Amino acid sequence: MGGLIEFQTGPIADIGSQTLNQKAVWDGIWESTKARISATAAEALDAATGSSLEERGQEYHRKSVAYSQQVQQQGTAVNQIGGIATETNARMVSTIRGGG
């Protein structure tokens, strides 16, 4: 072949076909790698925080409940203050009108 470049695509097709045939193996490798990385990250967080994922989850839940209760209490207080303001306003208007 005088000066022409020949593209041999056969090996590329073989590699693609082998890759597709090995999909379950590749998926298994990835799942194993992902699990190991997750475990490593969890261990690092456990060490950094001094508590396990379960303990951190329980603490988050406890804080969420406490926060919700505080918001509810604040809402009650705001409503009471609104009531006091309305009552005070009515009394002041009555006083201004001379009703004492």
PDB file of N, CA and C in Angstrom:
ATOM      1  N   MET A   1       0.851  -1.167   0.000  1.00  0.00           N
ATOM      2  CA  MET A   1       0.000   0.000   0.000  1.00  0.00           C
ATOM      3  C   MET A   1       0.894   1.226   0.000  1.00  0.00           C
ATOM      4  N   GLY A   2       0.947   1.874  -1.038  1.00  0.00           N
ATOM      5  CA  GLY A   2       1.852   2.978  -1.200  1.00  0.00           C
ATOM      6  C   GLY A   2       1.397   4.258  -0.545  1.00  0.00           C
ATOM      7  N   GLY A   3       1.876   4.538   0.680  1.00  0.00           N
ATOM      8  CA  GLY A   3       1.669   5.803   1.364  1.00  0.00           C
ATOM      9  C   GLY A   3       0.298   5.998   1.980  1.00  0.00           C
ATOM     10  N   LEU A   4      -0.552   5.036   1.955  1.00  0.00           N
ATOM     11  CA  LEU A   4      -1.870   5.175   2.555  1.00  0.00           C
ATOM     12  C   LEU A   4      -1.843   4.701   4.016  1.00  0.00           C
ATOM     13  N   ILE A   5      -2.653   5.344   4.824  1.00  0.00           N
ATOM     14  CA  ILE A   5      -2.777   4.910   6.223  1.00  0.00           C
ATOM     15  C   ILE A   5      -3.954   3.963   6.307  1.00  0.00           C
ATOM     16  N   GLU A   6      -3.705   2.835   6.896  1.00  0.00           N
ATOM     17  CA  GLU A   6      -4.762   1.850   7.034  1.00  0.00           C
ATOM     18  C   GLU A   6      -5.261   1.851   8.475  1.00  0.00           C
ATOM     19  N   PHE A   7      -6.552   2.034   8.656  1.00  0.00           N
ATOM     20  CA  PHE A   7      -7.145   1.988   9.984  1.00  0.00           C
ATOM     21  C   PHE A   7      -7.674   0.592  10.243  1.00  0.00           C
ATOM     22  N   GLN A   8      -7.167  -0.002  11.284  1.00  0.00           N
ATOM     23  CA  GLN A   8      -7.632  -1.332  11.648  1.00  0.00           C
ATOM     24  C   GLN A   8      -8.577  -1.186  12.843  1.00  0.00           C
ATOM     25  N   THR A   9      -9.848  -1.259  12.566  1.00  0.00           N
ATOM     26  CA  THR A   9     -10.857  -1.050  13.602  1.00  0.00           C
ATOM     27  C   THR A   9     -11.264  -2.344  14.295  1.00  0.00           C
ATOM     28  N   GLY A  10     -10.792  -3.441  13.789  1.00  0.00           N
ATOM     29  CA  GLY A  10     -11.135  -4.735  14.395  1.00  0.00           C
ATOM     30  C   GLY A  10     -10.787  -4.814  15.874  1.00  0.00           C
ATOM     31  N   PRO A  11      -9.544  -4.439  16.274  1.00  0.00           N
ATOM     32  CA  PRO A  11      -9.195  -4.513  17.695  1.00  0.00           C
ATOM     33  C   PRO A  11     -10.058  -3.598  18.565  1.00  0.00           C
ATOM     34  N   ILE A  12     -10.449  -2.441  18.019  1.00  0.00           N
ATOM     35  CA  ILE A  12     -11.290  -1.517  18.787  1.00  0.00           C
ATOM     36  C   ILE A  12     -12.656  -2.157  19.027  1.00  0.00           C
ATOM     37  N   ALA A  13     -13.192  -2.785  18.012  1.00  0.00           N
ATOM     38  CA  ALA A  13     -14.486  -3.460  18.144  1.00  0.00           C
ATOM     39  C   ALA A  13     -14.388  -4.601  19.155  1.00  0.00           C
ATOM     40  N   ASP A  14     -13.255  -5.315  19.125  1.00  0.00           N
ATOM     41  CA  ASP A  14     -13.059  -6.417  20.081  1.00  0.00           C
ATOM     42  C   ASP A  14     -13.011  -5.896  21.510  1.00  0.00           C
ATOM     43  N   ILE A  15     -12.302  -4.797  21.717  1.00  0.00           N
ATOM     44  CA  ILE A  15     -12.207  -4.202  23.060  1.00  0.00           C
ATOM     45  C   ILE A  15     -13.590  -3.757  23.532  1.00  0.00           C
ATOM     46  N   GLY A  16     -14.348  -3.107  22.640  1.00  0.00           N
ATOM     47  CA  GLY A  16     -15.699  -2.670  22.992  1.00  0.00           C
ATOM     48  C   GLY A  16     -16.592  -3.833  23.344  1.00  0.00           C
ATOM     49  N   SER A  17     -16.513  -4.878  22.579  1.00  0.00           N
ATOM     50  CA  SER A  17     -17.340  -6.061  22.824  1.00  0.00           C
ATOM     51  C   SER A  17     -16.948  -6.736  24.134  1.00  0.00           C
ATOM     52  N   GLN A  18     -15.652  -6.837  24.404  1.00  0.00           N
ATOM     53  CA  GLN A  18     -15.189  -7.431  25.664  1.00  0.00           C
ATOM     54  C   GLN A  18     -15.634  -6.581  26.856  1.00  0.00           C
ATOM     55  N   THR A  19     -15.571  -5.269  26.695  1.00  0.00           N
ATOM     56  CA  THR A  19     -15.989  -4.362  27.766  1.00  0.00           C
ATOM     57  C   THR A  19     -17.466  -4.567  28.071  1.00  0.00           C
ATOM     58  N   LEU A  20     -18.294  -4.631  27.024  1.00  0.00           N
ATOM     59  CA  LEU A  20     -19.727  -4.853  27.238  1.00  0.00           C
ATOM     60  C   LEU A  20     -19.985  -6.209  27.876  1.00  0.00           C
ATOM     61  N   ASN A  21     -19.251  -7.206  27.467  1.00  0.00           N
ATOM     62  CA  ASN A  21     -19.422  -8.550  28.027  1.00  0.00           C
ATOM     63  C   ASN A  21     -19.001  -8.602  29.492  1.00  0.00           C
ATOM     64  N   GLN A  22     -18.130  -7.712  29.894  1.00  0.00           N
ATOM     65  CA  GLN A  22     -17.617  -7.698  31.263  1.00  0.00           C
ATOM     66  C   GLN A  22     -18.346  -6.683  32.147  1.00  0.00           C
ATOM     67  N   LYS A  23     -19.469  -6.132  31.671  1.00  0.00           N
ATOM     68  CA  LYS A  23     -20.170  -5.074  32.399  1.00  0.00           C
ATOM     69  C   LYS A  23     -20.452  -5.459  33.846  1.00  0.00           C
ATOM     70  N   ALA A  24     -20.928  -6.660  34.083  1.00  0.00           N
ATOM     71  CA  ALA A  24     -21.239  -7.089  35.449  1.00  0.00           C
ATOM     72  C   ALA A  24     -19.978  -7.084  36.316  1.00  0.00           C
ATOM     73  N   VAL A  25     -18.867  -7.470  35.733  1.00  0.00           N
ATOM     74  CA  VAL A  25     -17.602  -7.464  36.481  1.00  0.00           C
ATOM     75  C   VAL A  25     -17.201  -6.032  36.803  1.00  0.00           C
ATOM     76  N   TRP A  26     -17.296  -5.122  35.798  1.00  0.00           N
ATOM     77  CA  TRP A  26     -16.946  -3.716  36.026  1.00  0.00           C
ATOM     78  C   TRP A  26     -17.859  -3.107  37.086  1.00  0.00           C
ATOM     79  N   ASP A  27     -19.156  -3.419  37.007  1.00  0.00           N
ATOM     80  CA  ASP A  27     -20.098  -2.910  38.000  1.00  0.00           C
ATOM     81  C   ASP A  27     -19.737  -3.412  39.401  1.00  0.00           C
ATOM     82  N   GLY A  28     -19.360  -4.672  39.493  1.00  0.00           N
ATOM     83  CA  GLY A  28     -18.957  -5.236  40.787  1.00  0.00           C
ATOM     84  C   GLY A  28     -17.713  -4.556  41.340  1.00  0.00           C
ATOM     85  N   ILE A  29     -16.749  -4.293  40.459  1.00  0.00           N
ATOM     86  CA  ILE A  29     -15.528  -3.586  40.887  1.00  0.00           C
ATOM     87  C   ILE A  29     -15.893  -2.201  41.403  1.00  0.00           C
ATOM     88  N   TRP A  30     -16.761  -1.500  40.661  1.00  0.00           N
ATOM     89  CA  TRP A  30     -17.146  -0.150  41.076  1.00  0.00           C
ATOM     90  C   TRP A  30     -17.892  -0.182  42.407  1.00  0.00           C
ATOM     91  N   GLU A  31     -18.842  -1.097  42.579  1.00  0.00           N
ATOM     92  CA  GLU A  31     -19.604  -1.177  43.827  1.00  0.00           C
ATOM     93  C   GLU A  31     -18.681  -1.467  45.008  1.00  0.00           C
ATOM     94  N   SER A  32     -17.711  -2.353  44.796  1.00  0.00           N
ATOM     95  CA  SER A  32     -16.748  -2.667  45.854  1.00  0.00           C
ATOM     96  C   SER A  32     -15.913  -1.445  46.212  1.00  0.00           C
ATOM     97  N   THR A  33     -15.448  -0.750  45.176  1.00  0.00           N
ATOM     98  CA  THR A  33     -14.644   0.459  45.396  1.00  0.00           C
ATOM     99  C   THR A  33     -15.457   1.512  46.121  1.00  0.00           C
ATOM    100  N   LYS A  34     -16.699   1.714  45.680  1.00  0.00           N
ATOM    101  CA  LYS A  34     -17.574   2.715  46.294  1.00  0.00           C
ATOM    102  C   LYS A  34     -17.831   2.372  47.769  1.00  0.00           C
ATOM    103  N   ALA A  35     -18.066   1.105  48.072  1.00  0.00           N
ATOM    104  CA  ALA A  35     -18.312   0.684  49.449  1.00  0.00           C
ATOM    105  C   ALA A  35     -17.078   0.919  50.316  1.00  0.00           C
ATOM    106  N   ARG A  36     -15.909   0.618  49.761  1.00  0.00           N
ATOM    107  CA  ARG A  36     -14.670   0.827  50.532  1.00  0.00           C
ATOM    108  C   ARG A  36     -14.429   2.305  50.789  1.00  0.00           C
ATOM    109  N   ILE A  37     -14.685   3.154  49.777  1.00  0.00           N
ATOM    110  CA  ILE A  37     -14.508   4.602  49.947  1.00  0.00           C
ATOM    111  C   ILE A  37     -15.497   5.123  50.983  1.00  0.00           C
ATOM    112  N   SER A  38     -16.753   4.674  50.900  1.00  0.00           N
ATOM    113  CA  SER A  38     -17.769   5.104  51.864  1.00  0.00           C
ATOM    114  C   SER A  38     -17.383   4.697  53.279  1.00  0.00           C
ATOM    115  N   ALA A  39     -16.900   3.474  53.435  1.00  0.00           N
ATOM    116  CA  ALA A  39     -16.497   2.995  54.752  1.00  0.00           C
ATOM    117  C   ALA A  39     -15.323   3.806  55.287  1.00  0.00           C
ATOM    118  N   THR A  40     -14.379   4.126  54.410  1.00  0.00           N
ATOM    119  CA  THR A  40     -13.221   4.928  54.811  1.00  0.00           C
ATOM    120  C   THR A  40     -13.660   6.312  55.250  1.00  0.00           C
ATOM    121  N   ALA A  41     -14.567   6.921  54.488  1.00  0.00           N
ATOM    122  CA  ALA A  41     -15.077   8.249  54.842  1.00  0.00           C
ATOM    123  C   ALA A  41     -15.844   8.193  56.161  1.00  0.00           C
ATOM    124  N   ALA A  42     -16.652   7.149  56.343  1.00  0.00           N
ATOM    125  CA  ALA A  42     -17.419   7.007  57.588  1.00  0.00           C
ATOM    126  C   ALA A  42     -16.479   6.847  58.782  1.00  0.00           C
ATOM    127  N   GLU A  43     -15.443   6.050  58.615  1.00  0.00           N
ATOM    128  CA  GLU A  43     -14.474   5.865  59.697  1.00  0.00           C
ATOM    129  C   GLU A  43     -13.775   7.181  60.029  1.00  0.00           C
ATOM    130  N   ALA A  44     -13.426   7.945  58.997  1.00  0.00           N
ATOM    131  CA  ALA A  44     -12.763   9.235  59.216  1.00  0.00           C
ATOM    132  C   ALA A  44     -13.701  10.192  59.948  1.00  0.00           C
ATOM    133  N   LEU A  45     -14.978  10.214  59.572  1.00  0.00           N
ATOM    134  CA  LEU A  45     -15.951  11.064  60.264  1.00  0.00           C
ATOM    135  C   LEU A  45     -16.146  10.615  61.703  1.00  0.00           C
ATOM    136  N   ASP A  46     -16.204   9.303  61.906  1.00  0.00           N
ATOM    137  CA  ASP A  46     -16.332   8.777  63.268  1.00  0.00           C
ATOM    138  C   ASP A  46     -15.163   9.239  64.125  1.00  0.00           C
ATOM    139  N   ALA A  47     -13.970   9.138  63.558  1.00  0.00           N
ATOM    140  CA  ALA A  47     -12.769   9.539  64.304  1.00  0.00           C
ATOM    141  C   ALA A  47     -12.751  11.049  64.542  1.00  0.00           C
ATOM    142  N   ALA A  48     -13.141  11.817  63.526  1.00  0.00           N
ATOM    143  CA  ALA A  48     -13.103  13.278  63.639  1.00  0.00           C
ATOM    144  C   ALA A  48     -14.142  13.805  64.628  1.00  0.00           C
ATOM    145  N   THR A  49     -15.308  13.167  64.642  1.00  0.00           N
ATOM    146  CA  THR A  49     -16.393  13.662  65.506  1.00  0.00           C
ATOM    147  C   THR A  49     -16.454  12.946  66.840  1.00  0.00           C
ATOM    148  N   GLY A  50     -15.828  11.799  66.916  1.00  0.00           N
ATOM    149  CA  GLY A  50     -15.878  11.014  68.155  1.00  0.00           C
ATOM    150  C   GLY A  50     -17.197  10.278  68.318  1.00  0.00           C
ATOM    151  N   SER A  51     -17.990  10.195  67.250  1.00  0.00           N
ATOM    152  CA  SER A  51     -19.250   9.463  67.334  1.00  0.00           C
ATOM    153  C   SER A  51     -19.516   8.747  66.015  1.00  0.00           C
ATOM    154  N   SER A  52     -20.352   7.717  66.103  1.00  0.00           N
ATOM    155  CA  SER A  52     -20.654   6.930  64.916  1.00  0.00           C
ATOM    156  C   SER A  52     -21.743   7.608  64.089  1.00  0.00           C
ATOM    157  N   LEU A  53     -21.955   7.105  62.885  1.00  0.00           N
ATOM    158  CA  LEU A  53     -23.007   7.629  62.021  1.00  0.00           C
ATOM    159  C   LEU A  53     -24.355   7.522  62.724  1.00  0.00           C
ATOM    160  N   GLU A  54     -24.596   6.409  63.373  1.00  0.00           N
ATOM    161  CA  GLU A  54     -25.853   6.214  64.108  1.00  0.00           C
ATOM    162  C   GLU A  54     -25.998   7.259  65.211  1.00  0.00           C
ATOM    163  N   GLU A  55     -24.936   7.477  65.955  1.00  0.00           N
ATOM    164  CA  GLU A  55     -24.970   8.482  67.029  1.00  0.00           C
ATOM    165  C   GLU A  55     -25.183   9.884  66.465  1.00  0.00           C
ATOM    166  N   ARG A  56     -24.512  10.189  65.350  1.00  0.00           N
ATOM    167  CA  ARG A  56     -24.688  11.509  64.730  1.00  0.00           C
ATOM    168  C   ARG A  56     -26.120  11.682  64.228  1.00  0.00           C
ATOM    169  N   GLY A  57     -26.699  10.614  63.695  1.00  0.00           N
ATOM    170  CA  GLY A  57     -28.079  10.649  63.230  1.00  0.00           C
ATOM    171  C   GLY A  57     -29.047  10.886  64.377  1.00  0.00           C
ATOM    172  N   GLN A  58     -28.816  10.201  65.494  1.00  0.00           N
ATOM    173  CA  GLN A  58     -29.674  10.399  66.671  1.00  0.00           C
ATOM    174  C   GLN A  58     -29.537  11.813  67.215  1.00  0.00           C
ATOM    175  N   GLU A  59     -28.317  12.332  67.241  1.00  0.00           N
ATOM    176  CA  GLU A  59     -28.083  13.703  67.728  1.00  0.00           C
ATOM    177  C   GLU A  59     -28.766  14.716  66.818  1.00  0.00           C
ATOM    178  N   TYR A  60     -28.692  14.497  65.513  1.00  0.00           N
ATOM    179  CA  TYR A  60     -29.355  15.383  64.559  1.00  0.00           C
ATOM    180  C   TYR A  60     -30.871  15.360  64.799  1.00  0.00           C
ATOM    181  N   HIS A  61     -31.414  14.168  64.991  1.00  0.00           N
ATOM    182  CA  HIS A  61     -32.851  14.039  65.237  1.00  0.00           C
ATOM    183  C   HIS A  61     -33.236  14.762  66.526  1.00  0.00           C
ATOM    184  N   ARG A  62     -32.439  14.573  67.583  1.00  0.00           N
ATOM    185  CA  ARG A  62     -32.717  15.231  68.860  1.00  0.00           C
ATOM    186  C   ARG A  62     -32.707  16.747  68.699  1.00  0.00           C
ATOM    187  N   LYS A  63     -31.704  17.258  67.986  1.00  0.00           N
ATOM    188  CA  LYS A  63     -31.609  18.707  67.778  1.00  0.00           C
ATOM    189  C   LYS A  63     -32.753  19.215  66.901  1.00  0.00           C
ATOM    190  N   SER A  64     -33.167  18.427  65.914  1.00  0.00           N
ATOM    191  CA  SER A  64     -34.280  18.828  65.049  1.00  0.00           C
ATOM    192  C   SER A  64     -35.573  18.932  65.849  1.00  0.00           C
ATOM    193  N   VAL A  65     -35.807  17.971  66.731  1.00  0.00           N
ATOM    194  CA  VAL A  65     -37.007  17.994  67.570  1.00  0.00           C
ATOM    195  C   VAL A  65     -36.962  19.208  68.495  1.00  0.00           C
ATOM    196  N   ALA A  66     -35.809  19.450  69.118  1.00  0.00           N
ATOM    197  CA  ALA A  66     -35.666  20.596  70.025  1.00  0.00           C
ATOM    198  C   ALA A  66     -35.885  21.903  69.257  1.00  0.00           C
ATOM    199  N   TYR A  67     -35.343  22.006  68.062  1.00  0.00           N
ATOM    200  CA  TYR A  67     -35.515  23.216  67.249  1.00  0.00           C
ATOM    201  C   TYR A  67     -36.992  23.425  66.914  1.00  0.00           C
ATOM    202  N   SER A  68     -37.665  22.344  66.512  1.00  0.00           N
ATOM    203  CA  SER A  68     -39.094  22.445  66.178  1.00  0.00           C
ATOM    204  C   SER A  68     -39.901  22.903  67.384  1.00  0.00           C
ATOM    205  N   GLN A  69     -39.571  22.383  68.563  1.00  0.00           N
ATOM    206  CA  GLN A  69     -40.270  22.802  69.783  1.00  0.00           C
ATOM    207  C   GLN A  69     -40.010  24.275  70.075  1.00  0.00           C
ATOM    208  N   GLN A  70     -38.781  24.715  69.882  1.00  0.00           N
ATOM    209  CA  GLN A  70     -38.446  26.119  70.123  1.00  0.00           C
ATOM    210  C   GLN A  70     -39.199  27.033  69.160  1.00  0.00           C
ATOM    211  N   VAL A  71     -39.274  26.637  67.906  1.00  0.00           N
ATOM    212  CA  VAL A  71     -40.004  27.443  66.918  1.00  0.00           C
ATOM    213  C   VAL A  71     -41.479  27.512  67.301  1.00  0.00           C
ATOM    214  N   GLN A  72     -42.028  26.393  67.741  1.00  0.00           N
ATOM    215  CA  GLN A  72     -43.431  26.369  68.153  1.00  0.00           C
ATOM    216  C   GLN A  72     -43.652  27.273  69.372  1.00  0.00           C
ATOM    217  N   GLN A  73     -42.735  27.216  70.337  1.00  0.00           N
ATOM    218  CA  GLN A  73     -42.840  28.071  71.519  1.00  0.00           C
ATOM    219  C   GLN A  73     -42.713  29.542  71.136  1.00  0.00           C
ATOM    220  N   GLN A  74     -41.811  29.834  70.231  1.00  0.00           N
ATOM    221  CA  GLN A  74     -41.661  31.213  69.773  1.00  0.00           C
ATOM    222  C   GLN A  74     -42.926  31.690  69.064  1.00  0.00           C
ATOM    223  N   GLY A  75     -43.539  30.810  68.293  1.00  0.00           N
ATOM    224  CA  GLY A  75     -44.789  31.158  67.622  1.00  0.00           C
ATOM    225  C   GLY A  75     -45.880  31.468  68.626  1.00  0.00           C
ATOM    226  N   THR A  76     -45.957  30.667  69.683  1.00  0.00           N
ATOM    227  CA  THR A  76     -46.936  30.915  70.740  1.00  0.00           C
ATOM    228  C   THR A  76     -46.671  32.256  71.399  1.00  0.00           C
ATOM    229  N   ALA A  77     -45.401  32.535  71.690  1.00  0.00           N
ATOM    230  CA  ALA A  77     -45.036  33.816  72.320  1.00  0.00           C
ATOM    231  C   ALA A  77     -45.386  34.992  71.408  1.00  0.00           C
ATOM    232  N   VAL A  78     -45.112  34.851  70.132  1.00  0.00           N
ATOM    233  CA  VAL A  78     -45.427  35.924  69.182  1.00  0.00           C
ATOM    234  C   VAL A  78     -46.935  36.162  69.149  1.00  0.00           C
ATOM    235  N   ASN A  79     -47.715  35.097  69.144  1.00  0.00           N
ATOM    236  CA  ASN A  79     -49.180  35.243  69.163  1.00  0.00           C
ATOM    237  C   ASN A  79     -49.652  35.943  70.436  1.00  0.00           C
ATOM    238  N   GLN A  80     -49.052  35.578  71.580  1.00  0.00           N
ATOM    239  CA  GLN A  80     -49.427  36.222  72.840  1.00  0.00           C
ATOM    240  C   GLN A  80     -49.066  37.712  72.819  1.00  0.00           C
ATOM    241  N   ILE A  81     -47.897  38.018  72.314  1.00  0.00           N
ATOM    242  CA  ILE A  81     -47.476  39.423  72.222  1.00  0.00           C
ATOM    243  C   ILE A  81     -48.405  40.183  71.275  1.00  0.00           C
ATOM    244  N   GLY A  82     -48.800  39.542  70.187  1.00  0.00           N
ATOM    245  CA  GLY A  82     -49.760  40.161  69.272  1.00  0.00           C
ATOM    246  C   GLY A  82     -51.076  40.460  69.978  1.00  0.00           C
ATOM    247  N   GLY A  83     -51.520  39.528  70.802  1.00  0.00           N
ATOM    248  CA  GLY A  83     -52.747  39.732  71.574  1.00  0.00           C
ATOM    249  C   GLY A  83     -52.611  40.883  72.558  1.00  0.00           C
ATOM    250  N   ILE A  84     -51.470  40.939  73.237  1.00  0.00           N
ATOM    251  CA  ILE A  84     -51.211  42.032  74.188  1.00  0.00           C
ATOM    252  C   ILE A  84     -51.191  43.368  73.443  1.00  0.00           C
ATOM    253  N   ALA A  85     -50.545  43.398  72.276  1.00  0.00           N
ATOM    254  CA  ALA A  85     -50.472  44.637  71.494  1.00  0.00           C
ATOM    255  C   ALA A  85     -51.864  45.076  71.050  1.00  0.00           C
ATOM    256  N   THR A  86     -52.678  44.143  70.630  1.00  0.00           N
ATOM    257  CA  THR A  86     -54.048  44.474  70.204  1.00  0.00           C
ATOM    258  C   THR A  86     -54.856  45.021  71.378  1.00  0.00           C
ATOM    259  N   GLU A  87     -54.740  44.351  72.510  1.00  0.00           N
ATOM    260  CA  GLU A  87     -55.457  44.803  73.717  1.00  0.00           C
ATOM    261  C   GLU A  87     -54.974  46.190  74.148  1.00  0.00           C
ATOM    262  N   THR A  88     -53.664  46.391  74.136  1.00  0.00           N
ATOM    263  CA  THR A  88     -53.091  47.686  74.526  1.00  0.00           C
ATOM    264  C   THR A  88     -53.569  48.774  73.578  1.00  0.00           C
ATOM    265  N   ASN A  89     -53.578  48.481  72.300  1.00  0.00           N
ATOM    266  CA  ASN A  89     -54.035  49.446  71.309  1.00  0.00           C
ATOM    267  C   ASN A  89     -55.499  49.821  71.577  1.00  0.00           C
ATOM    268  N   ALA A  90     -56.329  48.837  71.839  1.00  0.00           N
ATOM    269  CA  ALA A  90     -57.753  49.110  72.092  1.00  0.00           C
ATOM    270  C   ALA A  90     -57.922  49.971  73.340  1.00  0.00           C
ATOM    271  N   ARG A  91     -57.131  49.689  74.377  1.00  0.00           N
ATOM    272  CA  ARG A  91     -57.226  50.478  75.613  1.00  0.00           C
ATOM    273  C   ARG A  91     -56.766  51.910  75.389  1.00  0.00           C
ATOM    274  N   MET A  92     -55.707  52.084  74.593  1.00  0.00           N
ATOM    275  CA  MET A  92     -55.197  53.428  74.324  1.00  0.00           C
ATOM    276  C   MET A  92     -56.220  54.230  73.507  1.00  0.00           C
ATOM    277  N   VAL A  93     -56.816  53.572  72.513  1.00  0.00           N
ATOM    278  CA  VAL A  93     -57.828  54.244  71.706  1.00  0.00           C
ATOM    279  C   VAL A  93     -59.008  54.640  72.578  1.00  0.00           C
ATOM    280  N   SER A  94     -59.402  53.770  73.468  1.00  0.00           N
ATOM    281  CA  SER A  94     -60.496  54.070  74.369  1.00  0.00           C
ATOM    282  C   SER A  94     -60.165  55.248  75.275  1.00  0.00           C
ATOM    283  N   THR A  95     -58.904  55.268  75.749  1.00  0.00           N
ATOM    284  CA  THR A  95     -58.477  56.358  76.615  1.00  0.00           C
ATOM    285  C   THR A  95     -58.481  57.666  75.846  1.00  0.00           C
ATOM    286  N   ILE A  96     -57.981  57.648  74.627  1.00  0.00           N
ATOM    287  CA  ILE A  96     -57.927  58.856  73.796  1.00  0.00           C
ATOM    288  C   ILE A  96     -59.343  59.368  73.532  1.00  0.00           C
ATOM    289  N   ARG A  97     -60.272  58.474  73.364  1.00  0.00           N
ATOM    290  CA  ARG A  97     -61.669  58.878  73.107  1.00  0.00           C
ATOM    291  C   ARG A  97     -62.356  59.325  74.387  1.00  0.00           C
ATOM    292  N   GLY A  98     -61.672  59.181  75.509  1.00  0.00           N
ATOM    293  CA  GLY A  98     -62.234  59.627  76.776  1.00  0.00           C
ATOM    294  C   GLY A  98     -63.019  58.542  77.486  1.00  0.00           C
ATOM    295  N   GLY A  99     -62.868  57.321  77.056  1.00  0.00           N
ATOM    296  CA  GLY A  99     -63.609  56.244  77.683  1.00  0.00           C
ATOM    297  C   GLY A  99     -62.860  55.602  78.833  1.00  0.00           C
ATOM    298  N   GLY A 100     -61.605  55.989  79.036  1.00  0.00           N
ATOM    299  CA  GLY A 100     -60.807  55.555  80.174  1.00  0.00           C
ATOM    300  C   GLY A 100     -60.496  54.164  80.198  1.00  0.00           C
TER     301      GLY A 100
END
